[in-house]
Structure formats: structure tokens, C-alpha cells
Protein backbone atom coordinates (compact mmCIF):
# COMPACT_ATOMS: atom_id res chain seq x y z
CA MET A 1 4.14 10.15 4.89
CA LEU A 2 3.95 9.18 1.44
CA VAL A 3 1.96 11.31 -0.88
CA SER A 4 0.58 9.90 -4.41
CA LEU A 5 -0.84 12.87 -6.69
CA LEU A 6 -2.56 12.40 -10.10
CA PHE A 7 -3.25 15.32 -12.21
CA PHE A 8 -5.60 15.84 -15.05
CA LYS A 9 -5.92 18.36 -17.81
CA SER A 10 -9.71 18.81 -18.02
CA PHE A 11 -12.47 21.68 -17.47
CA PRO A 12 -12.78 22.51 -14.63
CA GLN A 13 -9.16 22.03 -13.42
CA TYR A 14 -8.69 19.98 -10.43
CA VAL A 15 -6.10 17.92 -8.55
CA LYS A 16 -6.99 14.48 -6.94
CA GLY A 17 -4.88 11.85 -5.29
CA SER A 18 -4.40 9.42 -2.52
CA ILE A 19 -2.59 9.70 0.59
CA THR A 20 -0.72 6.35 1.88
CA ASP A 21 1.72 5.65 4.66
CA THR A 22 5.02 4.17 3.56
CA GLY A 23 3.42 0.66 3.51
CA GLY A 24 1.20 1.63 0.89
CA ARG A 25 -1.87 1.51 3.59
CA PRO A 26 -4.52 4.70 2.71
CA LEU A 27 -4.64 7.57 5.39
CA PRO A 28 -8.29 8.12 5.96
CA PHE A 29 -9.31 11.61 6.92
CA ALA A 30 -5.87 13.42 6.32
CA ASN A 31 -6.15 17.32 5.99
CA ILE A 32 -4.92 18.87 2.37
CA TYR A 33 -4.78 22.37 2.03
CA VAL A 34 -3.64 25.14 -0.25
CA LYS A 35 -0.83 27.01 1.46
CA ASN A 36 -1.41 30.48 2.81
CA SER A 37 -5.18 29.78 2.10
CA THR A 38 -8.28 28.62 3.83
CA TYR A 39 -8.87 26.29 0.94
CA GLY A 40 -8.77 22.67 1.51
CA ALA A 41 -10.32 19.10 1.73
CA VAL A 42 -9.89 16.04 3.81
CA SER A 43 -9.16 12.54 2.17
CA ASN A 44 -12.28 10.01 2.42
CA SER A 45 -11.96 6.54 4.11
CA TYR A 46 -9.67 5.29 1.23
CA GLY A 47 -7.24 8.20 1.58
CA LYS A 48 -8.58 9.70 -1.76
CA TYR A 49 -9.00 13.52 -2.17
CA PHE A 50 -10.06 15.99 -4.81
CA LEU A 51 -9.54 20.01 -4.99
CA ALA A 52 -10.95 22.13 -7.68
CA LEU A 53 -8.53 24.94 -8.21
CA LYS A 54 -8.08 27.82 -11.08
CA PRO A 55 -4.95 27.37 -13.02
CA GLY A 56 -1.81 28.21 -11.27
CA LYS A 57 0.86 27.12 -9.29
CA TYR A 58 0.25 25.97 -5.57
CA THR A 59 1.70 24.64 -2.67
CA LEU A 60 -0.33 21.64 -1.15
CA VAL A 61 0.26 21.03 2.56
CA TYR A 62 -0.80 17.37 3.82
CA SER A 63 -1.09 16.54 7.40
CA TYR A 64 -2.07 13.53 9.53
CA VAL A 65 -2.22 12.96 13.20
CA GLY A 66 1.27 11.09 14.13
CA TYR A 67 3.08 12.18 11.01
CA GLU A 68 5.12 14.84 9.71
CA LYS A 69 3.57 17.55 7.63
CA SER A 70 4.68 17.21 3.61
CA GLU A 71 4.51 19.74 1.22
CA LYS A 72 4.20 19.39 -2.67
CA GLU A 73 4.34 22.12 -5.33
CA VAL A 74 1.63 21.43 -7.86
CA GLU A 75 0.71 23.42 -11.06
CA VAL A 76 -3.08 23.47 -12.71
CA ALA A 77 -2.73 23.99 -16.40
CA ASN A 78 -4.91 26.27 -18.29
CA THR A 79 -7.12 23.92 -20.71
CA LEU A 80 -10.30 24.47 -22.67
CA PRO A 81 -12.87 21.73 -23.30
CA ALA A 82 -12.51 19.94 -26.39
């Protein structure tokens, strides 16, 4: 599974991205969750997702039927509005 992540430093903090296969095709309705928690999201029909998170370090887990699970370390910065 190939995972594309986009990070933004804004208020509130969030992580968003898209999940695609090795051919660049979106993986719709994939599961994304924060490891060791019950917090997560499902990608939309275009493979895009959004998670609002408090500042800190997280391990995101990506899963999709027929693909191996993938984990990615992310850090959400503590930023204030301008």
C-alpha cells in the first residue's frame, strides 16, 4: 500500500492525505486509525481522509482489504492562529 500524507500547520491541527495503490489509483473506504486508540477515519471514494488531532506524535495505521497494513509516524505541531 502506498500512502500519501499532507501535513498542515494551522488551527485546529489536523492530518489529511490520500491513500493510493502502487499504480496511483485511490483506495476508497480504507481504514486509518491512531495506533493504540479508538480514534480513526475512513477514506472517501477518492481515497482522501482527514483526522483532527491534538499536538503530539502519533502512529497512524492504514489498512485496506487485500493489502498489508502500513504504519506511519506523524507529528502534529502546536501552532497558534495568526
